[in-house]
Amino acid sequence: MASKIESPPYPSAAKISDSSCFPQYTASLKCLEQNNSEKSKCQEFFDDYKECKKKEDFESSLPKLQAPQAQSQAQACHKHQAVMVLC
């Protein structure tokens, strides 16, 4: 019999722990735990995580083989997305 490769019980959990936003994620959970799940007291942590995920998603959408200068330029363009400029 072939051995079965086990996947994590919650596949999304493995993905979260690999994320560069994992510290913001855990800070959000810790805040909820310390404040008896009162979401209003943790809004700043939620916002930090949301911003991190936006940046992470944007960076993952960039072509992988960009030169560092082109990648920096694309990130700077993203920061100023309200102004529509061809980057």
PDB file of N, CA and C in Angstrom:
ATOM      1  N   MET A   1       0.824  -1.186   0.000  1.00  0.00           N
ATOM      2  CA  MET A   1       0.000   0.000   0.000  1.00  0.00           C
ATOM      3  C   MET A   1       0.872   1.254   0.000  1.00  0.00           C
ATOM      4  N   ALA A   2       0.497   2.231  -0.792  1.00  0.00           N
ATOM      5  CA  ALA A   2       1.226   3.495  -0.829  1.00  0.00           C
ATOM      6  C   ALA A   2       0.873   4.327   0.398  1.00  0.00           C
ATOM      7  N   SER A   3       1.863   5.056   0.893  1.00  0.00           N
ATOM      8  CA  SER A   3       1.584   5.902   2.054  1.00  0.00           C
ATOM      9  C   SER A   3       0.856   7.162   1.615  1.00  0.00           C
ATOM     10  N   LYS A   4      -0.064   7.573   2.422  1.00  0.00           N
ATOM     11  CA  LYS A   4      -0.879   8.754   2.116  1.00  0.00           C
ATOM     12  C   LYS A   4      -0.207   9.992   2.715  1.00  0.00           C
ATOM     13  N   ILE A   5      -0.056  11.031   1.918  1.00  0.00           N
ATOM     14  CA  ILE A   5       0.502  12.293   2.397  1.00  0.00           C
ATOM     15  C   ILE A   5      -0.610  13.055   3.085  1.00  0.00           C
ATOM     16  N   GLU A   6      -0.378  13.376   4.351  1.00  0.00           N
ATOM     17  CA  GLU A   6      -1.409  14.073   5.118  1.00  0.00           C
ATOM     18  C   GLU A   6      -1.314  15.574   4.907  1.00  0.00           C
ATOM     19  N   SER A   7      -2.472  16.172   4.752  1.00  0.00           N
ATOM     20  CA  SER A   7      -2.526  17.628   4.650  1.00  0.00           C
ATOM     21  C   SER A   7      -2.973  18.170   6.000  1.00  0.00           C
ATOM     22  N   PRO A   8      -2.702  19.443   6.264  1.00  0.00           N
ATOM     23  CA  PRO A   8      -3.136  20.014   7.538  1.00  0.00           C
ATOM     24  C   PRO A   8      -4.658  19.925   7.664  1.00  0.00           C
ATOM     25  N   PRO A   9      -5.161  19.782   8.902  1.00  0.00           N
ATOM     26  CA  PRO A   9      -6.608  19.684   9.072  1.00  0.00           C
ATOM     27  C   PRO A   9      -7.343  20.917   8.541  1.00  0.00           C
ATOM     28  N   TYR A  10      -6.686  22.054   8.603  1.00  0.00           N
ATOM     29  CA  TYR A  10      -7.247  23.297   8.067  1.00  0.00           C
ATOM     30  C   TYR A  10      -6.225  23.868   7.095  1.00  0.00           C
ATOM     31  N   PRO A  11      -6.366  23.579   5.797  1.00  0.00           N
ATOM     32  CA  PRO A  11      -5.362  24.028   4.822  1.00  0.00           C
ATOM     33  C   PRO A  11      -5.076  25.521   4.875  1.00  0.00           C
ATOM     34  N   SER A  12      -6.090  26.330   5.166  1.00  0.00           N
ATOM     35  CA  SER A  12      -5.853  27.770   5.208  1.00  0.00           C
ATOM     36  C   SER A  12      -4.925  28.148   6.355  1.00  0.00           C
ATOM     37  N   ALA A  13      -4.880  27.342   7.406  1.00  0.00           N
ATOM     38  CA  ALA A  13      -4.000  27.639   8.543  1.00  0.00           C
ATOM     39  C   ALA A  13      -2.536  27.577   8.122  1.00  0.00           C
ATOM     40  N   ALA A  14      -2.183  26.608   7.302  1.00  0.00           N
ATOM     41  CA  ALA A  14      -0.806  26.515   6.824  1.00  0.00           C
ATOM     42  C   ALA A  14      -0.462  27.728   5.973  1.00  0.00           C
ATOM     43  N   LYS A  15      -1.381  28.173   5.183  1.00  0.00           N
ATOM     44  CA  LYS A  15      -1.149  29.334   4.329  1.00  0.00           C
ATOM     45  C   LYS A  15      -0.950  30.603   5.166  1.00  0.00           C
ATOM     46  N   ILE A  16      -1.727  30.761   6.207  1.00  0.00           N
ATOM     47  CA  ILE A  16      -1.611  31.941   7.072  1.00  0.00           C
ATOM     48  C   ILE A  16      -0.257  31.969   7.756  1.00  0.00           C
ATOM     49  N   SER A  17       0.200  30.830   8.252  1.00  0.00           N
ATOM     50  CA  SER A  17       1.471  30.812   8.969  1.00  0.00           C
ATOM     51  C   SER A  17       2.653  31.093   8.052  1.00  0.00           C
ATOM     52  N   ASP A  18       2.493  30.880   6.755  1.00  0.00           N
ATOM     53  CA  ASP A  18       3.549  31.191   5.789  1.00  0.00           C
ATOM     54  C   ASP A  18       3.509  32.640   5.321  1.00  0.00           C
ATOM     55  N   SER A  19       2.481  33.340   5.685  1.00  0.00           N
ATOM     56  CA  SER A  19       2.283  34.716   5.232  1.00  0.00           C
ATOM     57  C   SER A  19       3.221  35.691   5.934  1.00  0.00           C
ATOM     58  N   SER A  20       3.616  36.734   5.222  1.00  0.00           N
ATOM     59  CA  SER A  20       4.418  37.795   5.844  1.00  0.00           C
ATOM     60  C   SER A  20       3.565  38.615   6.805  1.00  0.00           C
ATOM     61  N   CYS A  21       2.245  38.411   6.768  1.00  0.00           N
ATOM     62  CA  CYS A  21       1.314  39.133   7.648  1.00  0.00           C
ATOM     63  C   CYS A  21       0.956  38.321   8.893  1.00  0.00           C
ATOM     64  N   PHE A  22       1.646  37.218   9.105  1.00  0.00           N
ATOM     65  CA  PHE A  22       1.347  36.373  10.255  1.00  0.00           C
ATOM     66  C   PHE A  22       1.465  37.131  11.587  1.00  0.00           C
ATOM     67  N   PRO A  23       2.460  38.013  11.786  1.00  0.00           N
ATOM     68  CA  PRO A  23       2.523  38.761  13.056  1.00  0.00           C
ATOM     69  C   PRO A  23       1.281  39.632  13.291  1.00  0.00           C
ATOM     70  N   GLN A  24       0.770  40.272  12.238  1.00  0.00           N
ATOM     71  CA  GLN A  24      -0.435  41.093  12.378  1.00  0.00           C
ATOM     72  C   GLN A  24      -1.653  40.215  12.667  1.00  0.00           C
ATOM     73  N   TYR A  25      -1.679  39.057  12.045  1.00  0.00           N
ATOM     74  CA  TYR A  25      -2.772  38.106  12.266  1.00  0.00           C
ATOM     75  C   TYR A  25      -2.789  37.645  13.727  1.00  0.00           C
ATOM     76  N   THR A  26      -1.635  37.242  14.232  1.00  0.00           N
ATOM     77  CA  THR A  26      -1.580  36.763  15.613  1.00  0.00           C
ATOM     78  C   THR A  26      -1.846  37.884  16.602  1.00  0.00           C
ATOM     79  N   ALA A  27      -1.411  39.102  16.285  1.00  0.00           N
ATOM     80  CA  ALA A  27      -1.695  40.244  17.161  1.00  0.00           C
ATOM     81  C   ALA A  27      -3.202  40.499  17.246  1.00  0.00           C
ATOM     82  N   SER A  28      -3.898  40.336  16.129  1.00  0.00           N
ATOM     83  CA  SER A  28      -5.357  40.497  16.119  1.00  0.00           C
ATOM     84  C   SER A  28      -6.032  39.465  17.021  1.00  0.00           C
ATOM     85  N   LEU A  29      -5.588  38.220  16.895  1.00  0.00           N
ATOM     86  CA  LEU A  29      -6.164  37.159  17.718  1.00  0.00           C
ATOM     87  C   LEU A  29      -5.867  37.373  19.204  1.00  0.00           C
ATOM     88  N   LYS A  30      -4.645  37.798  19.492  1.00  0.00           N
ATOM     89  CA  LYS A  30      -4.260  38.052  20.884  1.00  0.00           C
ATOM     90  C   LYS A  30      -5.099  39.179  21.475  1.00  0.00           C
ATOM     91  N   CYS A  31      -5.339  40.214  20.694  1.00  0.00           N
ATOM     92  CA  CYS A  31      -6.164  41.328  21.144  1.00  0.00           C
ATOM     93  C   CYS A  31      -7.579  40.851  21.468  1.00  0.00           C
ATOM     94  N   LEU A  32      -8.144  40.043  20.574  1.00  0.00           N
ATOM     95  CA  LEU A  32      -9.492  39.521  20.818  1.00  0.00           C
ATOM     96  C   LEU A  32      -9.535  38.689  22.101  1.00  0.00           C
ATOM     97  N   GLU A  33      -8.502  37.886  22.273  1.00  0.00           N
ATOM     98  CA  GLU A  33      -8.432  37.045  23.463  1.00  0.00           C
ATOM     99  C   GLU A  33      -8.339  37.894  24.740  1.00  0.00           C
ATOM    100  N   GLN A  34      -7.540  38.937  24.699  1.00  0.00           N
ATOM    101  CA  GLN A  34      -7.348  39.791  25.872  1.00  0.00           C
ATOM    102  C   GLN A  34      -8.544  40.685  26.165  1.00  0.00           C
ATOM    103  N   ASN A  35      -9.377  40.907  25.153  1.00  0.00           N
ATOM    104  CA  ASN A  35     -10.520  41.805  25.316  1.00  0.00           C
ATOM    105  C   ASN A  35     -11.865  41.090  25.212  1.00  0.00           C
ATOM    106  N   ASN A  36     -11.870  39.828  25.594  1.00  0.00           N
ATOM    107  CA  ASN A  36     -13.108  39.038  25.610  1.00  0.00           C
ATOM    108  C   ASN A  36     -13.880  39.121  24.298  1.00  0.00           C
ATOM    109  N   SER A  37     -13.164  39.049  23.208  1.00  0.00           N
ATOM    110  CA  SER A  37     -13.736  39.059  21.852  1.00  0.00           C
ATOM    111  C   SER A  37     -14.478  40.341  21.494  1.00  0.00           C
ATOM    112  N   GLU A  38     -14.162  41.434  22.173  1.00  0.00           N
ATOM    113  CA  GLU A  38     -14.767  42.733  21.828  1.00  0.00           C
ATOM    114  C   GLU A  38     -14.030  43.305  20.622  1.00  0.00           C
ATOM    115  N   LYS A  39     -14.627  43.129  19.460  1.00  0.00           N
ATOM    116  CA  LYS A  39     -13.988  43.530  18.209  1.00  0.00           C
ATOM    117  C   LYS A  39     -13.666  45.014  18.155  1.00  0.00           C
ATOM    118  N   SER A  40     -14.500  45.835  18.749  1.00  0.00           N
ATOM    119  CA  SER A  40     -14.289  47.288  18.677  1.00  0.00           C
ATOM    120  C   SER A  40     -12.964  47.707  19.314  1.00  0.00           C
ATOM    121  N   LYS A  41     -12.487  46.937  20.268  1.00  0.00           N
ATOM    122  CA  LYS A  41     -11.227  47.266  20.937  1.00  0.00           C
ATOM    123  C   LYS A  41     -10.004  46.832  20.129  1.00  0.00           C
ATOM    124  N   CYS A  42     -10.229  46.088  19.076  1.00  0.00           N
ATOM    125  CA  CYS A  42      -9.120  45.547  18.289  1.00  0.00           C
ATOM    126  C   CYS A  42      -9.082  46.070  16.854  1.00  0.00           C
ATOM    127  N   GLN A  43      -9.866  47.087  16.571  1.00  0.00           N
ATOM    128  CA  GLN A  43      -9.978  47.577  15.196  1.00  0.00           C
ATOM    129  C   GLN A  43      -8.631  47.964  14.603  1.00  0.00           C
ATOM    130  N   GLU A  44      -7.762  48.571  15.398  1.00  0.00           N
ATOM    131  CA  GLU A  44      -6.441  48.966  14.898  1.00  0.00           C
ATOM    132  C   GLU A  44      -5.645  47.741  14.414  1.00  0.00           C
ATOM    133  N   PHE A  45      -5.746  46.638  15.149  1.00  0.00           N
ATOM    134  CA  PHE A  45      -5.058  45.415  14.754  1.00  0.00           C
ATOM    135  C   PHE A  45      -5.648  44.843  13.464  1.00  0.00           C
ATOM    136  N   PHE A  46      -6.970  44.899  13.340  1.00  0.00           N
ATOM    137  CA  PHE A  46      -7.625  44.419  12.118  1.00  0.00           C
ATOM    138  C   PHE A  46      -7.194  45.260  10.912  1.00  0.00           C
ATOM    139  N   ASP A  47      -7.126  46.573  11.121  1.00  0.00           N
ATOM    140  CA  ASP A  47      -6.723  47.468  10.035  1.00  0.00           C
ATOM    141  C   ASP A  47      -5.278  47.205   9.608  1.00  0.00           C
ATOM    142  N   ASP A  48      -4.398  46.981  10.597  1.00  0.00           N
ATOM    143  CA  ASP A  48      -2.995  46.676  10.285  1.00  0.00           C
ATOM    144  C   ASP A  48      -2.891  45.408   9.447  1.00  0.00           C
ATOM    145  N   TYR A  49      -3.652  44.390   9.839  1.00  0.00           N
ATOM    146  CA  TYR A  49      -3.639  43.121   9.100  1.00  0.00           C
ATOM    147  C   TYR A  49      -4.182  43.317   7.685  1.00  0.00           C
ATOM    148  N   LYS A  50      -5.263  44.053   7.566  1.00  0.00           N
ATOM    149  CA  LYS A  50      -5.879  44.297   6.259  1.00  0.00           C
ATOM    150  C   LYS A  50      -4.907  45.017   5.325  1.00  0.00           C
ATOM    151  N   GLU A  51      -4.215  46.029   5.833  1.00  0.00           N
ATOM    152  CA  GLU A  51      -3.238  46.762   5.018  1.00  0.00           C
ATOM    153  C   GLU A  51      -2.075  45.861   4.610  1.00  0.00           C
ATOM    154  N   CYS A  52      -1.621  45.042   5.546  1.00  0.00           N
ATOM    155  CA  CYS A  52      -0.541  44.108   5.240  1.00  0.00           C
ATOM    156  C   CYS A  52      -0.953  43.151   4.124  1.00  0.00           C
ATOM    157  N   LYS A  53      -2.178  42.618   4.209  1.00  0.00           N
ATOM    158  CA  LYS A  53      -2.656  41.685   3.192  1.00  0.00           C
ATOM    159  C   LYS A  53      -2.776  42.358   1.826  1.00  0.00           C
ATOM    160  N   LYS A  54      -3.222  43.618   1.808  1.00  0.00           N
ATOM    161  CA  LYS A  54      -3.300  44.343   0.533  1.00  0.00           C
ATOM    162  C   LYS A  54      -1.919  44.423  -0.103  1.00  0.00           C
ATOM    163  N   LYS A  55      -0.918  44.792   0.708  1.00  0.00           N
ATOM    164  CA  LYS A  55       0.453  44.914   0.216  1.00  0.00           C
ATOM    165  C   LYS A  55       0.977  43.551  -0.242  1.00  0.00           C
ATOM    166  N   GLU A  56       0.727  42.533   0.551  1.00  0.00           N
ATOM    167  CA  GLU A  56       1.189  41.187   0.213  1.00  0.00           C
ATOM    168  C   GLU A  56       0.542  40.708  -1.085  1.00  0.00           C
ATOM    169  N   ASP A  57      -0.761  40.924  -1.233  1.00  0.00           N
ATOM    170  CA  ASP A  57      -1.466  40.512  -2.448  1.00  0.00           C
ATOM    171  C   ASP A  57      -0.948  41.257  -3.668  1.00  0.00           C
ATOM    172  N   PHE A  58      -0.688  42.561  -3.495  1.00  0.00           N
ATOM    173  CA  PHE A  58      -0.154  43.354  -4.603  1.00  0.00           C
ATOM    174  C   PHE A  58       1.222  42.840  -5.006  1.00  0.00           C
ATOM    175  N   GLU A  59       2.082  42.629  -4.012  1.00  0.00           N
ATOM    176  CA  GLU A  59       3.439  42.175  -4.303  1.00  0.00           C
ATOM    177  C   GLU A  59       3.446  40.791  -4.946  1.00  0.00           C
ATOM    178  N   SER A  60       2.524  39.944  -4.552  1.00  0.00           N
ATOM    179  CA  SER A  60       2.474  38.609  -5.153  1.00  0.00           C
ATOM    180  C   SER A  60       1.943  38.656  -6.580  1.00  0.00           C
ATOM    181  N   SER A  61       1.267  39.747  -6.952  1.00  0.00           N
ATOM    182  CA  SER A  61       0.757  39.868  -8.316  1.00  0.00           C
ATOM    183  C   SER A  61       1.807  40.410  -9.280  1.00  0.00           C
ATOM    184  N   LEU A  62       2.918  40.924  -8.741  1.00  0.00           N
ATOM    185  CA  LEU A  62       3.985  41.436  -9.598  1.00  0.00           C
ATOM    186  C   LEU A  62       4.705  40.280 -10.271  1.00  0.00           C
ATOM    187  N   PRO A  63       5.169  40.484 -11.489  1.00  0.00           N
ATOM    188  CA  PRO A  63       5.956  39.432 -12.143  1.00  0.00           C
ATOM    189  C   PRO A  63       7.177  39.087 -11.287  1.00  0.00           C
ATOM    190  N   LYS A  64       7.460  37.809 -11.176  1.00  0.00           N
ATOM    191  CA  LYS A  64       8.527  37.332 -10.297  1.00  0.00           C
ATOM    192  C   LYS A  64       9.923  37.723 -10.774  1.00  0.00           C
ATOM    193  N   LEU A  65      10.118  37.961 -12.060  1.00  0.00           N
ATOM    194  CA  LEU A  65      11.451  38.201 -12.585  1.00  0.00           C
ATOM    195  C   LEU A  65      11.757  39.678 -12.820  1.00  0.00           C
ATOM    196  N   GLN A  66      11.044  40.554 -12.144  1.00  0.00           N
ATOM    197  CA  GLN A  66      11.311  41.974 -12.302  1.00  0.00           C
ATOM    198  C   GLN A  66      12.640  42.325 -11.661  1.00  0.00           C
ATOM    199  N   ALA A  67      13.320  43.276 -12.272  1.00  0.00           N
ATOM    200  CA  ALA A  67      14.536  43.807 -11.659  1.00  0.00           C
ATOM    201  C   ALA A  67      14.139  44.544 -10.390  1.00  0.00           C
ATOM    202  N   PRO A  68      15.008  44.563  -9.367  1.00  0.00           N
ATOM    203  CA  PRO A  68      14.659  45.235  -8.101  1.00  0.00           C
ATOM    204  C   PRO A  68      14.188  46.676  -8.290  1.00  0.00           C
ATOM    205  N   GLN A  69      14.809  47.416  -9.200  1.00  0.00           N
ATOM    206  CA  GLN A  69      14.414  48.809  -9.420  1.00  0.00           C
ATOM    207  C   GLN A  69      13.002  48.883  -9.986  1.00  0.00           C
ATOM    208  N   ALA A  70      12.659  48.018 -10.923  1.00  0.00           N
ATOM    209  CA  ALA A  70      11.320  48.011 -11.507  1.00  0.00           C
ATOM    210  C   ALA A  70      10.289  47.617 -10.465  1.00  0.00           C
ATOM    211  N   GLN A  71      10.639  46.681  -9.581  1.00  0.00           N
ATOM    212  CA  GLN A  71       9.710  46.265  -8.532  1.00  0.00           C
ATOM    213  C   GLN A  71       9.474  47.407  -7.553  1.00  0.00           C
ATOM    214  N   SER A  72      10.534  48.136  -7.186  1.00  0.00           N
ATOM    215  CA  SER A  72      10.386  49.281  -6.285  1.00  0.00           C
ATOM    216  C   SER A  72       9.511  50.348  -6.917  1.00  0.00           C
ATOM    217  N   GLN A  73       9.704  50.563  -8.203  1.00  0.00           N
ATOM    218  CA  GLN A  73       8.914  51.554  -8.927  1.00  0.00           C
ATOM    219  C   GLN A  73       7.440  51.147  -8.940  1.00  0.00           C
ATOM    220  N   ALA A  74       7.163  49.873  -9.143  1.00  0.00           N
ATOM    221  CA  ALA A  74       5.786  49.387  -9.151  1.00  0.00           C
ATOM    222  C   ALA A  74       5.151  49.530  -7.780  1.00  0.00           C
ATOM    223  N   GLN A  75       5.932  49.276  -6.717  1.00  0.00           N
ATOM    224  CA  GLN A  75       5.412  49.423  -5.363  1.00  0.00           C
ATOM    225  C   GLN A  75       5.120  50.894  -5.064  1.00  0.00           C
ATOM    226  N   ALA A  76       5.984  51.793  -5.507  1.00  0.00           N
ATOM    227  CA  ALA A  76       5.764  53.220  -5.299  1.00  0.00           C
ATOM    228  C   ALA A  76       4.507  53.660  -6.039  1.00  0.00           C
ATOM    229  N   CYS A  77       4.294  53.123  -7.214  1.00  0.00           N
ATOM    230  CA  CYS A  77       3.100  53.443  -7.985  1.00  0.00           C
ATOM    231  C   CYS A  77       1.859  52.965  -7.237  1.00  0.00           C
ATOM    232  N   HIS A  78       1.931  51.793  -6.646  1.00  0.00           N
ATOM    233  CA  HIS A  78       0.794  51.252  -5.891  1.00  0.00           C
ATOM    234  C   HIS A  78       0.447  52.149  -4.711  1.00  0.00           C
ATOM    235  N   LYS A  79       1.445  52.689  -4.040  1.00  0.00           N
ATOM    236  CA  LYS A  79       1.212  53.556  -2.879  1.00  0.00           C
ATOM    237  C   LYS A  79       0.438  54.796  -3.283  1.00  0.00           C
ATOM    238  N   HIS A  80       0.604  55.220  -4.512  1.00  0.00           N
ATOM    239  CA  HIS A  80      -0.045  56.441  -5.000  1.00  0.00           C
ATOM    240  C   HIS A  80      -1.105  56.098  -6.042  1.00  0.00           C
ATOM    241  N   GLN A  81      -1.883  55.069  -5.752  1.00  0.00           N
ATOM    242  CA  GLN A  81      -2.831  54.573  -6.742  1.00  0.00           C
ATOM    243  C   GLN A  81      -3.966  55.545  -7.035  1.00  0.00           C
ATOM    244  N   ALA A  82      -4.176  56.522  -6.167  1.00  0.00           N
ATOM    245  CA  ALA A  82      -5.243  57.496  -6.406  1.00  0.00           C
ATOM    246  C   ALA A  82      -4.920  58.327  -7.643  1.00  0.00           C
ATOM    247  N   VAL A  83      -3.644  58.498  -7.950  1.00  0.00           N
ATOM    248  CA  VAL A  83      -3.222  59.243  -9.129  1.00  0.00           C
ATOM    249  C   VAL A  83      -2.950  58.220 -10.227  1.00  0.00           C
ATOM    250  N   MET A  84      -3.711  58.287 -11.268  1.00  0.00           N
ATOM    251  CA  MET A  84      -3.558  57.317 -12.349  1.00  0.00           C
ATOM    252  C   MET A  84      -2.408  57.731 -13.249  1.00  0.00           C
ATOM    253  N   VAL A  85      -1.302  57.055 -13.087  1.00  0.00           N
ATOM    254  CA  VAL A  85      -0.103  57.326 -13.879  1.00  0.00           C
ATOM    255  C   VAL A  85       0.354  55.992 -14.445  1.00  0.00           C
ATOM    256  N   LEU A  86       0.782  56.007 -15.678  1.00  0.00           N
ATOM    257  CA  LEU A  86       1.307  54.778 -16.259  1.00  0.00           C
ATOM    258  C   LEU A  86       2.664  54.502 -15.640  1.00  0.00           C
ATOM    259  N   CYS A  87       2.792  53.354 -15.044  1.00  0.00           N
ATOM    260  CA  CYS A  87       4.060  52.979 -14.400  1.00  0.00           C
ATOM    261  C   CYS A  87       4.807  51.984 -15.251  1.00  0.00           C
TER     262      CYS A  87
END
